[in-house]
Amino acid sequence: MAYSDLLINTYTIKKLVQAGADAYGNPNVSWNDVADVACRVSTPTGKEIKIGAEVVIADYKLFLEDDDIDEQDRVEMVVDGVTVTYEVLLVTRRQNGAGTHHRECYLRTVR
């Protein structure tokens, strides 16, 4: 069984786009869909991730191929008919003997 056969879910990568400023000088922010990608989601066992001085507990762990995703992105998935958005807390690149094989991401639900 190949690694790609284990990726049974699908999600959408969303990248942050800042375009101009509003009347108060604040940046106009939107999230653009970049790609729909195959993945696999699991629940980590209380994984703590340090972001600056803050410690955050990840809600989910995402496995995917070597796709373009980083810590500033969001992930959107349809779970039981409901669209749920997650922020990417940490991206870890995993390697085999030939180079980068896949990525593991820790996610937190956007509330």
PDB file of N, CA and C in Angstrom:
ATOM      1  N   MET A   1       0.844  -1.169   0.000  1.00  0.00           N
ATOM      2  CA  MET A   1       0.000   0.000   0.000  1.00  0.00           C
ATOM      3  C   MET A   1       0.890   1.233   0.000  1.00  0.00           C
ATOM      4  N   ALA A   2       0.619   2.140  -0.893  1.00  0.00           N
ATOM      5  CA  ALA A   2       1.388   3.376  -1.006  1.00  0.00           C
ATOM      6  C   ALA A   2       0.900   4.410   0.012  1.00  0.00           C
ATOM      7  N   TYR A   3       1.756   5.365   0.327  1.00  0.00           N
ATOM      8  CA  TYR A   3       1.402   6.429   1.270  1.00  0.00           C
ATOM      9  C   TYR A   3       0.161   7.177   0.793  1.00  0.00           C
ATOM     10  N   SER A   4       0.081   7.466  -0.504  1.00  0.00           N
ATOM     11  CA  SER A   4      -1.057   8.230  -1.039  1.00  0.00           C
ATOM     12  C   SER A   4      -2.379   7.479  -0.868  1.00  0.00           C
ATOM     13  N   ASP A   5      -2.339   6.141  -0.764  1.00  0.00           N
ATOM     14  CA  ASP A   5      -3.562   5.362  -0.542  1.00  0.00           C
ATOM     15  C   ASP A   5      -4.128   5.579   0.865  1.00  0.00           C
ATOM     16  N   LEU A   6      -3.313   6.030   1.798  1.00  0.00           N
ATOM     17  CA  LEU A   6      -3.761   6.280   3.164  1.00  0.00           C
ATOM     18  C   LEU A   6      -4.443   7.636   3.322  1.00  0.00           C
ATOM     19  N   LEU A   7      -4.301   8.512   2.338  1.00  0.00           N
ATOM     20  CA  LEU A   7      -4.867   9.863   2.408  1.00  0.00           C
ATOM     21  C   LEU A   7      -6.324   9.818   1.948  1.00  0.00           C
ATOM     22  N   ILE A   8      -7.238   9.580   2.889  1.00  0.00           N
ATOM     23  CA  ILE A   8      -8.628   9.312   2.557  1.00  0.00           C
ATOM     24  C   ILE A   8      -9.539  10.530   2.688  1.00  0.00           C
ATOM     25  N   ASN A   9      -9.044  11.650   3.220  1.00  0.00           N
ATOM     26  CA  ASN A   9      -9.832  12.867   3.377  1.00  0.00           C
ATOM     27  C   ASN A   9      -9.398  13.897   2.343  1.00  0.00           C
ATOM     28  N   THR A  10     -10.179  14.961   2.220  1.00  0.00           N
ATOM     29  CA  THR A  10      -9.823  16.068   1.331  1.00  0.00           C
ATOM     30  C   THR A  10      -9.997  17.375   2.095  1.00  0.00           C
ATOM     31  N   TYR A  11      -9.093  18.313   1.869  1.00  0.00           N
ATOM     32  CA  TYR A  11      -9.207  19.621   2.501  1.00  0.00           C
ATOM     33  C   TYR A  11      -8.805  20.689   1.502  1.00  0.00           C
ATOM     34  N   THR A  12      -9.093  21.934   1.845  1.00  0.00           N
ATOM     35  CA  THR A  12      -8.739  23.081   1.009  1.00  0.00           C
ATOM     36  C   THR A  12      -7.735  23.937   1.764  1.00  0.00           C
ATOM     37  N   ILE A  13      -6.602  24.234   1.131  1.00  0.00           N
ATOM     38  CA  ILE A  13      -5.615  25.156   1.705  1.00  0.00           C
ATOM     39  C   ILE A  13      -6.090  26.573   1.418  1.00  0.00           C
ATOM     40  N   LYS A  14      -6.078  27.421   2.442  1.00  0.00           N
ATOM     41  CA  LYS A  14      -6.475  28.824   2.298  1.00  0.00           C
ATOM     42  C   LYS A  14      -5.280  29.692   2.701  1.00  0.00           C
ATOM     43  N   LYS A  15      -4.887  30.596   1.810  1.00  0.00           N
ATOM     44  CA  LYS A  15      -3.759  31.498   2.059  1.00  0.00           C
ATOM     45  C   LYS A  15      -4.284  32.896   2.394  1.00  0.00           C
ATOM     46  N   LEU A  16      -3.600  33.573   3.305  1.00  0.00           N
ATOM     47  CA  LEU A  16      -3.948  34.923   3.717  1.00  0.00           C
ATOM     48  C   LEU A  16      -3.536  35.917   2.642  1.00  0.00           C
ATOM     49  N   VAL A  17      -4.468  36.810   2.283  1.00  0.00           N
ATOM     50  CA  VAL A  17      -4.187  37.845   1.287  1.00  0.00           C
ATOM     51  C   VAL A  17      -4.555  39.194   1.895  1.00  0.00           C
ATOM     52  N   GLN A  18      -3.610  40.131   1.863  1.00  0.00           N
ATOM     53  CA  GLN A  18      -3.885  41.483   2.332  1.00  0.00           C
ATOM     54  C   GLN A  18      -3.898  42.410   1.124  1.00  0.00           C
ATOM     55  N   ALA A  19      -5.018  43.116   0.952  1.00  0.00           N
ATOM     56  CA  ALA A  19      -5.156  43.998  -0.206  1.00  0.00           C
ATOM     57  C   ALA A  19      -5.604  45.376   0.259  1.00  0.00           C
ATOM     58  N   GLY A  20      -4.678  46.315   0.268  1.00  0.00           N
ATOM     59  CA  GLY A  20      -5.021  47.685   0.628  1.00  0.00           C
ATOM     60  C   GLY A  20      -5.397  47.848   2.086  1.00  0.00           C
ATOM     61  N   ALA A  21      -6.073  48.958   2.368  1.00  0.00           N
ATOM     62  CA  ALA A  21      -6.483  49.266   3.731  1.00  0.00           C
ATOM     63  C   ALA A  21      -7.906  49.812   3.721  1.00  0.00           C
ATOM     64  N   ASP A  22      -8.585  49.668   4.862  1.00  0.00           N
ATOM     65  CA  ASP A  22      -9.935  50.206   4.961  1.00  0.00           C
ATOM     66  C   ASP A  22      -9.869  51.685   5.340  1.00  0.00           C
ATOM     67  N   ALA A  23     -11.009  52.300   5.625  1.00  0.00           N
ATOM     68  CA  ALA A  23     -11.076  53.730   5.928  1.00  0.00           C
ATOM     69  C   ALA A  23     -10.305  54.096   7.195  1.00  0.00           C
ATOM     70  N   TYR A  24     -10.058  53.133   8.067  1.00  0.00           N
ATOM     71  CA  TYR A  24      -9.333  53.395   9.313  1.00  0.00           C
ATOM     72  C   TYR A  24      -7.856  53.038   9.225  1.00  0.00           C
ATOM     73  N   GLY A  25      -7.396  52.606   8.064  1.00  0.00           N
ATOM     74  CA  GLY A  25      -6.000  52.248   7.890  1.00  0.00           C
ATOM     75  C   GLY A  25      -5.671  50.811   8.228  1.00  0.00           C
ATOM     76  N   ASN A  26      -6.670  50.019   8.605  1.00  0.00           N
ATOM     77  CA  ASN A  26      -6.447  48.607   8.902  1.00  0.00           C
ATOM     78  C   ASN A  26      -6.385  47.823   7.592  1.00  0.00           C
ATOM     79  N   PRO A  27      -5.529  46.809   7.509  1.00  0.00           N
ATOM     80  CA  PRO A  27      -5.427  46.054   6.259  1.00  0.00           C
ATOM     81  C   PRO A  27      -6.699  45.256   5.972  1.00  0.00           C
ATOM     82  N   ASN A  28      -7.096  45.228   4.689  1.00  0.00           N
ATOM     83  CA  ASN A  28      -8.196  44.374   4.257  1.00  0.00           C
ATOM     84  C   ASN A  28      -7.649  42.961   4.117  1.00  0.00           C
ATOM     85  N   VAL A  29      -8.220  42.032   4.856  1.00  0.00           N
ATOM     86  CA  VAL A  29      -7.719  40.671   4.895  1.00  0.00           C
ATOM     87  C   VAL A  29      -8.785  39.728   4.349  1.00  0.00           C
ATOM     88  N   SER A  30      -8.335  38.780   3.516  1.00  0.00           N
ATOM     89  CA  SER A  30      -9.238  37.734   3.051  1.00  0.00           C
ATOM     90  C   SER A  30      -8.448  36.431   2.939  1.00  0.00           C
ATOM     91  N   TRP A  31      -9.173  35.320   2.869  1.00  0.00           N
ATOM     92  CA  TRP A  31      -8.552  33.998   2.754  1.00  0.00           C
ATOM     93  C   TRP A  31      -8.932  33.426   1.403  1.00  0.00           C
ATOM     94  N   ASN A  32      -7.945  33.228   0.533  1.00  0.00           N
ATOM     95  CA  ASN A  32      -8.185  32.686  -0.801  1.00  0.00           C
ATOM     96  C   ASN A  32      -7.909  31.186  -0.828  1.00  0.00           C
ATOM     97  N   ASP A  33      -8.795  30.454  -1.520  1.00  0.00           N
ATOM     98  CA  ASP A  33      -8.586  29.017  -1.714  1.00  0.00           C
ATOM     99  C   ASP A  33      -7.436  28.808  -2.688  1.00  0.00           C
ATOM    100  N   VAL A  34      -6.496  27.938  -2.309  1.00  0.00           N
ATOM    101  CA  VAL A  34      -5.341  27.668  -3.153  1.00  0.00           C
ATOM    102  C   VAL A  34      -5.478  26.326  -3.863  1.00  0.00           C
ATOM    103  N   ALA A  35      -5.799  25.273  -3.101  1.00  0.00           N
ATOM    104  CA  ALA A  35      -5.849  23.944  -3.696  1.00  0.00           C
ATOM    105  C   ALA A  35      -6.686  23.010  -2.839  1.00  0.00           C
ATOM    106  N   ASP A  36      -7.294  22.028  -3.481  1.00  0.00           N
ATOM    107  CA  ASP A  36      -7.939  20.922  -2.782  1.00  0.00           C
ATOM    108  C   ASP A  36      -6.953  19.762  -2.793  1.00  0.00           C
ATOM    109  N   VAL A  37      -6.652  19.234  -1.617  1.00  0.00           N
ATOM    110  CA  VAL A  37      -5.573  18.267  -1.482  1.00  0.00           C
ATOM    111  C   VAL A  37      -6.045  17.060  -0.665  1.00  0.00           C
ATOM    112  N   ALA A  38      -5.519  15.885  -1.011  1.00  0.00           N
ATOM    113  CA  ALA A  38      -5.807  14.665  -0.248  1.00  0.00           C
ATOM    114  C   ALA A  38      -5.011  14.678   1.053  1.00  0.00           C
ATOM    115  N   CYS A  39      -5.622  14.169   2.128  1.00  0.00           N
ATOM    116  CA  CYS A  39      -4.967  14.183   3.431  1.00  0.00           C
ATOM    117  C   CYS A  39      -5.542  13.078   4.305  1.00  0.00           C
ATOM    118  N   ARG A  40      -5.023  12.995   5.516  1.00  0.00           N
ATOM    119  CA  ARG A  40      -5.576  12.112   6.540  1.00  0.00           C
ATOM    120  C   ARG A  40      -5.512  12.879   7.852  1.00  0.00           C
ATOM    121  N   VAL A  41      -6.582  12.817   8.617  1.00  0.00           N
ATOM    122  CA  VAL A  41      -6.680  13.570   9.861  1.00  0.00           C
ATOM    123  C   VAL A  41      -6.755  12.593  11.027  1.00  0.00           C
ATOM    124  N   SER A  42      -6.026  12.907  12.092  1.00  0.00           N
ATOM    125  CA  SER A  42      -6.126  12.121  13.323  1.00  0.00           C
ATOM    126  C   SER A  42      -6.105  13.081  14.509  1.00  0.00           C
ATOM    127  N   THR A  43      -6.421  12.573  15.671  1.00  0.00           N
ATOM    128  CA  THR A  43      -6.394  13.407  16.865  1.00  0.00           C
ATOM    129  C   THR A  43      -5.097  13.148  17.625  1.00  0.00           C
ATOM    130  N   PRO A  44      -4.328  14.196  17.898  1.00  0.00           N
ATOM    131  CA  PRO A  44      -3.093  14.000  18.668  1.00  0.00           C
ATOM    132  C   PRO A  44      -3.437  13.792  20.140  1.00  0.00           C
ATOM    133  N   THR A  45      -2.520  13.270  20.878  1.00  0.00           N
ATOM    134  CA  THR A  45      -2.748  13.049  22.301  1.00  0.00           C
ATOM    135  C   THR A  45      -2.163  14.202  23.099  1.00  0.00           C
ATOM    136  N   GLY A  46      -2.880  15.321  23.143  1.00  0.00           N
ATOM    137  CA  GLY A  46      -2.472  16.462  23.951  1.00  0.00           C
ATOM    138  C   GLY A  46      -1.169  17.103  23.530  1.00  0.00           C
ATOM    139  N   LYS A  47      -0.923  17.237  22.248  1.00  0.00           N
ATOM    140  CA  LYS A  47       0.318  17.833  21.746  1.00  0.00           C
ATOM    141  C   LYS A  47       0.325  19.332  22.037  1.00  0.00           C
ATOM    142  N   GLU A  48       1.313  19.780  22.804  1.00  0.00           N
ATOM    143  CA  GLU A  48       1.462  21.196  23.115  1.00  0.00           C
ATOM    144  C   GLU A  48       2.433  21.826  22.130  1.00  0.00           C
ATOM    145  N   ILE A  49       2.049  22.979  21.586  1.00  0.00           N
ATOM    146  CA  ILE A  49       2.874  23.687  20.618  1.00  0.00           C
ATOM    147  C   ILE A  49       3.102  25.095  21.130  1.00  0.00           C
ATOM    148  N   LYS A  50       4.357  25.514  21.154  1.00  0.00           N
ATOM    149  CA  LYS A  50       4.691  26.851  21.637  1.00  0.00           C
ATOM    150  C   LYS A  50       4.712  27.826  20.464  1.00  0.00           C
ATOM    151  N   ILE A  51       3.886  28.871  20.564  1.00  0.00           N
ATOM    152  CA  ILE A  51       3.833  29.921  19.551  1.00  0.00           C
ATOM    153  C   ILE A  51       4.196  31.219  20.257  1.00  0.00           C
ATOM    154  N   GLY A  52       5.427  31.665  20.062  1.00  0.00           N
ATOM    155  CA  GLY A  52       5.911  32.817  20.809  1.00  0.00           C
ATOM    156  C   GLY A  52       5.957  32.473  22.288  1.00  0.00           C
ATOM    157  N   ALA A  53       5.240  33.260  23.119  1.00  0.00           N
ATOM    158  CA  ALA A  53       5.193  32.992  24.553  1.00  0.00           C
ATOM    159  C   ALA A  53       3.968  32.165  24.929  1.00  0.00           C
ATOM    160  N   GLU A  54       3.109  31.876  23.958  1.00  0.00           N
ATOM    161  CA  GLU A  54       1.864  31.152  24.209  1.00  0.00           C
ATOM    162  C   GLU A  54       2.039  29.656  23.928  1.00  0.00           C
ATOM    163  N   VAL A  55       1.461  28.827  24.767  1.00  0.00           N
ATOM    164  CA  VAL A  55       1.443  27.386  24.540  1.00  0.00           C
ATOM    165  C   VAL A  55       0.024  26.999  24.152  1.00  0.00           C
ATOM    166  N   VAL A  56      -0.106  26.310  23.019  1.00  0.00           N
ATOM    167  CA  VAL A  56      -1.406  25.944  22.469  1.00  0.00           C
ATOM    168  C   VAL A  56      -1.477  24.423  22.362  1.00  0.00           C
ATOM    169  N   ILE A  57      -2.629  23.864  22.661  1.00  0.00           N
ATOM    170  CA  ILE A  57      -2.831  22.423  22.494  1.00  0.00           C
ATOM    171  C   ILE A  57      -3.528  22.198  21.162  1.00  0.00           C
ATOM    172  N   ALA A  58      -2.932  21.372  20.323  1.00  0.00           N
ATOM    173  CA  ALA A  58      -3.472  21.106  18.991  1.00  0.00           C
ATOM    174  C   ALA A  58      -4.715  20.234  19.083  1.00  0.00           C
ATOM    175  N   ASP A  59      -5.697  20.529  18.218  1.00  0.00           N
ATOM    176  CA  ASP A  59      -6.928  19.741  18.158  1.00  0.00           C
ATOM    177  C   ASP A  59      -6.771  18.521  17.255  1.00  0.00           C
ATOM    178  N   TYR A  60      -6.040  18.679  16.147  1.00  0.00           N
ATOM    179  CA  TYR A  60      -5.916  17.605  15.161  1.00  0.00           C
ATOM    180  C   TYR A  60      -4.513  17.559  14.576  1.00  0.00           C
ATOM    181  N   LYS A  61      -4.172  16.412  14.009  1.00  0.00           N
ATOM    182  CA  LYS A  61      -2.923  16.228  13.288  1.00  0.00           C
ATOM    183  C   LYS A  61      -3.283  15.861  11.857  1.00  0.00           C
ATOM    184  N   LEU A  62      -2.673  16.544  10.906  1.00  0.00           N
ATOM    185  CA  LEU A  62      -2.984  16.383   9.486  1.00  0.00           C
ATOM    186  C   LEU A  62      -1.764  15.797   8.778  1.00  0.00           C
ATOM    187  N   PHE A  63      -1.966  14.729   8.025  1.00  0.00           N
ATOM    188  CA  PHE A  63      -0.914  14.110   7.227  1.00  0.00           C
ATOM    189  C   PHE A  63      -1.212  14.422   5.764  1.00  0.00           C
ATOM    190  N   LEU A  64      -0.207  14.854   5.016  1.00  0.00           N
ATOM    191  CA  LEU A  64      -0.388  15.143   3.606  1.00  0.00           C
ATOM    192  C   LEU A  64       0.905  14.928   2.851  1.00  0.00           C
ATOM    193  N   GLU A  65       0.791  14.909   1.538  1.00  0.00           N
ATOM    194  CA  GLU A  65       2.002  14.766   0.738  1.00  0.00           C
ATOM    195  C   GLU A  65       2.801  16.050   0.829  1.00  0.00           C
ATOM    196  N   ASP A  66       3.859  16.169   0.080  1.00  0.00           N
ATOM    197  CA  ASP A  66       4.754  17.323   0.158  1.00  0.00           C
ATOM    198  C   ASP A  66       4.124  18.505  -0.572  1.00  0.00           C
ATOM    199  N   ASP A  67       3.066  19.086   0.021  1.00  0.00           N
ATOM    200  CA  ASP A  67       2.337  20.200  -0.572  1.00  0.00           C
ATOM    201  C   ASP A  67       2.796  21.523   0.024  1.00  0.00           C
ATOM    202  N   ASP A  68       2.423  22.609  -0.645  1.00  0.00           N
ATOM    203  CA  ASP A  68       2.793  23.954  -0.205  1.00  0.00           C
ATOM    204  C   ASP A  68       1.840  24.414   0.896  1.00  0.00           C
ATOM    205  N   ILE A  69       2.278  24.242   2.132  1.00  0.00           N
ATOM    206  CA  ILE A  69       1.488  24.677   3.287  1.00  0.00           C
ATOM    207  C   ILE A  69       2.452  25.162   4.352  1.00  0.00           C
ATOM    208  N   ASP A  70       2.073  26.216   5.076  1.00  0.00           N
ATOM    209  CA  ASP A  70       2.922  26.701   6.155  1.00  0.00           C
ATOM    210  C   ASP A  70       2.068  27.195   7.318  1.00  0.00           C
ATOM    211  N   GLU A  71       2.726  27.723   8.345  1.00  0.00           N
ATOM    212  CA  GLU A  71       2.052  28.087   9.584  1.00  0.00           C
ATOM    213  C   GLU A  71       1.126  29.290   9.465  1.00  0.00           C
ATOM    214  N   GLN A  72       1.188  30.049   8.389  1.00  0.00           N
ATOM    215  CA  GLN A  72       0.292  31.186   8.220  1.00  0.00           C
ATOM    216  C   GLN A  72      -1.008  30.811   7.501  1.00  0.00           C
ATOM    217  N   ASP A  73      -1.150  29.558   7.111  1.00  0.00           N
ATOM    218  CA  ASP A  73      -2.304  29.120   6.325  1.00  0.00           C
ATOM    219  C   ASP A  73      -3.432  28.620   7.212  1.00  0.00           C
ATOM    220  N   ARG A  74      -4.571  28.444   6.559  1.00  0.00           N
ATOM    221  CA  ARG A  74      -5.710  27.787   7.188  1.00  0.00           C
ATOM    222  C   ARG A  74      -6.100  26.600   6.342  1.00  0.00           C
ATOM    223  N   VAL A  75      -6.809  25.672   6.959  1.00  0.00           N
ATOM    224  CA  VAL A  75      -7.287  24.471   6.288  1.00  0.00           C
ATOM    225  C   VAL A  75      -8.797  24.410   6.492  1.00  0.00           C
ATOM    226  N   GLU A  76      -9.514  24.136   5.421  1.00  0.00           N
ATOM    227  CA  GLU A  76     -10.964  24.041   5.514  1.00  0.00           C
ATOM    228  C   GLU A  76     -11.395  22.650   5.077  1.00  0.00           C
ATOM    229  N   MET A  77     -12.238  22.012   5.890  1.00  0.00           N
ATOM    230  CA  MET A  77     -12.704  20.659   5.597  1.00  0.00           C
ATOM    231  C   MET A  77     -14.205  20.586   5.824  1.00  0.00           C
ATOM    232  N   VAL A  78     -14.851  19.645   5.143  1.00  0.00           N
ATOM    233  CA  VAL A  78     -16.258  19.357   5.389  1.00  0.00           C
ATOM    234  C   VAL A  78     -16.317  18.097   6.244  1.00  0.00           C
ATOM    235  N   VAL A  79     -16.857  18.241   7.463  1.00  0.00           N
ATOM    236  CA  VAL A  79     -16.949  17.136   8.409  1.00  0.00           C
ATOM    237  C   VAL A  79     -18.426  16.924   8.732  1.00  0.00           C
ATOM    238  N   ASP A  80     -18.947  15.757   8.354  1.00  0.00           N
ATOM    239  CA  ASP A  80     -20.362  15.431   8.575  1.00  0.00           C
ATOM    240  C   ASP A  80     -21.288  16.508   8.021  1.00  0.00           C
ATOM    241  N   GLY A  81     -20.963  17.024   6.843  1.00  0.00           N
ATOM    242  CA  GLY A  81     -21.806  18.018   6.180  1.00  0.00           C
ATOM    243  C   GLY A  81     -21.610  19.445   6.655  1.00  0.00           C
ATOM    244  N   VAL A  82     -20.717  19.673   7.607  1.00  0.00           N
ATOM    245  CA  VAL A  82     -20.463  21.005   8.151  1.00  0.00           C
ATOM    246  C   VAL A  82     -19.051  21.438   7.777  1.00  0.00           C
ATOM    247  N   THR A  83     -18.912  22.653   7.253  1.00  0.00           N
ATOM    248  CA  THR A  83     -17.594  23.175   6.903  1.00  0.00           C
ATOM    249  C   THR A  83     -16.900  23.700   8.159  1.00  0.00           C
ATOM    250  N   VAL A  84     -15.696  23.170   8.418  1.00  0.00           N
ATOM    251  CA  VAL A  84     -14.928  23.545   9.600  1.00  0.00           C
ATOM    252  C   VAL A  84     -13.583  24.113   9.145  1.00  0.00           C
ATOM    253  N   THR A  85     -13.162  25.209   9.773  1.00  0.00           N
ATOM    254  CA  THR A  85     -11.894  25.843   9.430  1.00  0.00           C
ATOM    255  C   THR A  85     -10.905  25.667  10.577  1.00  0.00           C
ATOM    256  N   TYR A  86      -9.660  25.329  10.225  1.00  0.00           N
ATOM    257  CA  TYR A  86      -8.594  25.134  11.197  1.00  0.00           C
ATOM    258  C   TYR A  86      -7.429  26.041  10.844  1.00  0.00           C
ATOM    259  N   GLU A  87      -6.703  26.502  11.856  1.00  0.00           N
ATOM    260  CA  GLU A  87      -5.467  27.223  11.594  1.00  0.00           C
ATOM    261  C   GLU A  87      -4.306  26.256  11.762  1.00  0.00           C
ATOM    262  N   VAL A  88      -3.300  26.420  10.934  1.00  0.00           N
ATOM    263  CA  VAL A  88      -2.122  25.557  10.972  1.00  0.00           C
ATOM    264  C   VAL A  88      -1.170  26.103  12.030  1.00  0.00           C
ATOM    265  N   LEU A  89      -0.881  25.300  13.042  1.00  0.00           N
ATOM    266  CA  LEU A  89       0.001  25.713  14.135  1.00  0.00           C
ATOM    267  C   LEU A  89       1.460  25.387  13.855  1.00  0.00           C
ATOM    268  N   LEU A  90       1.696  24.204  13.276  1.00  0.00           N
ATOM    269  CA  LEU A  90       3.062  23.735  13.070  1.00  0.00           C
ATOM    270  C   LEU A  90       3.100  22.789  11.882  1.00  0.00           C
ATOM    271  N   VAL A  91       4.084  22.964  11.012  1.00  0.00           N
ATOM    272  CA  VAL A  91       4.292  22.066   9.873  1.00  0.00           C
ATOM    273  C   VAL A  91       5.642  21.382  10.056  1.00  0.00           C
ATOM    274  N   THR A  92       5.630  20.050  10.024  1.00  0.00           N
ATOM    275  CA  THR A  92       6.858  19.266  10.137  1.00  0.00           C
ATOM    276  C   THR A  92       7.066  18.499   8.843  1.00  0.00           C
ATOM    277  N   ARG A  93       8.232  18.655   8.244  1.00  0.00           N
ATOM    278  CA  ARG A  93       8.559  17.939   7.012  1.00  0.00           C
ATOM    279  C   ARG A  93       9.242  16.627   7.379  1.00  0.00           C
ATOM    280  N   ARG A  94       8.679  15.523   6.910  1.00  0.00           N
ATOM    281  CA  ARG A  94       9.245  14.206   7.182  1.00  0.00           C
ATOM    282  C   ARG A  94       9.985  13.729   5.955  1.00  0.00           C
ATOM    283  N   GLN A  95      11.126  13.059   6.167  1.00  0.00           N
ATOM    284  CA  GLN A  95      11.970  12.638   5.053  1.00  0.00           C
ATOM    285  C   GLN A  95      12.157  11.133   5.041  1.00  0.00           C
ATOM    286  N   ASN A  96      12.360  10.629   3.826  1.00  0.00           N
ATOM    287  CA  ASN A  96      12.838   9.259   3.684  1.00  0.00           C
ATOM    288  C   ASN A  96      14.285   9.375   3.209  1.00  0.00           C
ATOM    289  N   GLY A  97      14.898   8.349   2.701  1.00  0.00           N
ATOM    290  CA  GLY A  97      16.296   8.405   2.289  1.00  0.00           C
ATOM    291  C   GLY A  97      16.565   9.292   1.089  1.00  0.00           C
ATOM    292  N   ALA A  98      15.522   9.619   0.308  1.00  0.00           N
ATOM    293  CA  ALA A  98      15.714  10.381  -0.928  1.00  0.00           C
ATOM    294  C   ALA A  98      15.362  11.854  -0.804  1.00  0.00           C
ATOM    295  N   GLY A  99      14.701  12.268   0.259  1.00  0.00           N
ATOM    296  CA  GLY A  99      14.300  13.666   0.408  1.00  0.00           C
ATOM    297  C   GLY A  99      12.987  13.766   1.169  1.00  0.00           C
ATOM    298  N   THR A 100      12.315  14.916   1.046  1.00  0.00           N
ATOM    299  CA  THR A 100      11.064  15.121   1.761  1.00  0.00           C
ATOM    300  C   THR A 100      10.009  14.159   1.248  1.00  0.00           C
ATOM    301  N   HIS A 101       9.392  13.432   2.158  1.00  0.00           N
ATOM    302  CA  HIS A 101       8.405  12.413   1.804  1.00  0.00           C
ATOM    303  C   HIS A 101       6.977  12.924   1.996  1.00  0.00           C
ATOM    304  N   HIS A 102       6.701  13.506   3.163  1.00  0.00           N
ATOM    305  CA  HIS A 102       5.370  14.026   3.437  1.00  0.00           C
ATOM    306  C   HIS A 102       5.472  15.087   4.528  1.00  0.00           C
ATOM    307  N   ARG A 103       4.345  15.692   4.845  1.00  0.00           N
ATOM    308  CA  ARG A 103       4.308  16.708   5.896  1.00  0.00           C
ATOM    309  C   ARG A 103       3.268  16.333   6.931  1.00  0.00           C
ATOM    310  N   GLU A 104       3.542  16.704   8.165  1.00  0.00           N
ATOM    311  CA  GLU A 104       2.598  16.523   9.258  1.00  0.00           C
ATOM    312  C   GLU A 104       2.321  17.917   9.823  1.00  0.00           C
ATOM    313  N   CYS A 105       1.049  18.243   9.965  1.00  0.00           N
ATOM    314  CA  CYS A 105       0.658  19.560  10.461  1.00  0.00           C
ATOM    315  C   CYS A 105      -0.207  19.401  11.702  1.00  0.00           C
ATOM    316  N   TYR A 106      -0.016  20.272  12.661  1.00  0.00           N
ATOM    317  CA  TYR A 106      -0.876  20.322  13.830  1.00  0.00           C
ATOM    318  C   TYR A 106      -1.854  21.469  13.629  1.00  0.00           C
ATOM    319  N   LEU A 107      -3.132  21.204  13.926  1.00  0.00           N
ATOM    320  CA  LEU A 107      -4.200  22.163  13.642  1.00  0.00           C
ATOM    321  C   LEU A 107      -4.956  22.533  14.911  1.00  0.00           C
ATOM    322  N   ARG A 108      -5.526  23.747  14.888  1.00  0.00           N
ATOM    323  CA  ARG A 108      -6.422  24.204  15.956  1.00  0.00           C
ATOM    324  C   ARG A 108      -7.679  24.741  15.291  1.00  0.00           C
ATOM    325  N   THR A 109      -8.829  24.405  15.838  1.00  0.00           N
ATOM    326  CA  THR A 109     -10.097  24.860  15.282  1.00  0.00           C
ATOM    327  C   THR A 109     -10.229  26.360  15.411  1.00  0.00           C
ATOM    328  N   VAL A 110     -10.641  27.036  14.324  1.00  0.00           N
ATOM    329  CA  VAL A 110     -10.888  28.472  14.358  1.00  0.00           C
ATOM    330  C   VAL A 110     -12.268  28.680  14.974  1.00  0.00           C
ATOM    331  N   ARG A 111     -12.335  29.422  16.045  1.00  0.00           N
ATOM    332  CA  ARG A 111     -13.607  29.650  16.737  1.00  0.00           C
ATOM    333  C   ARG A 111     -14.102  31.048  16.510  1.00  0.00           C
TER     334      ARG A 111
END
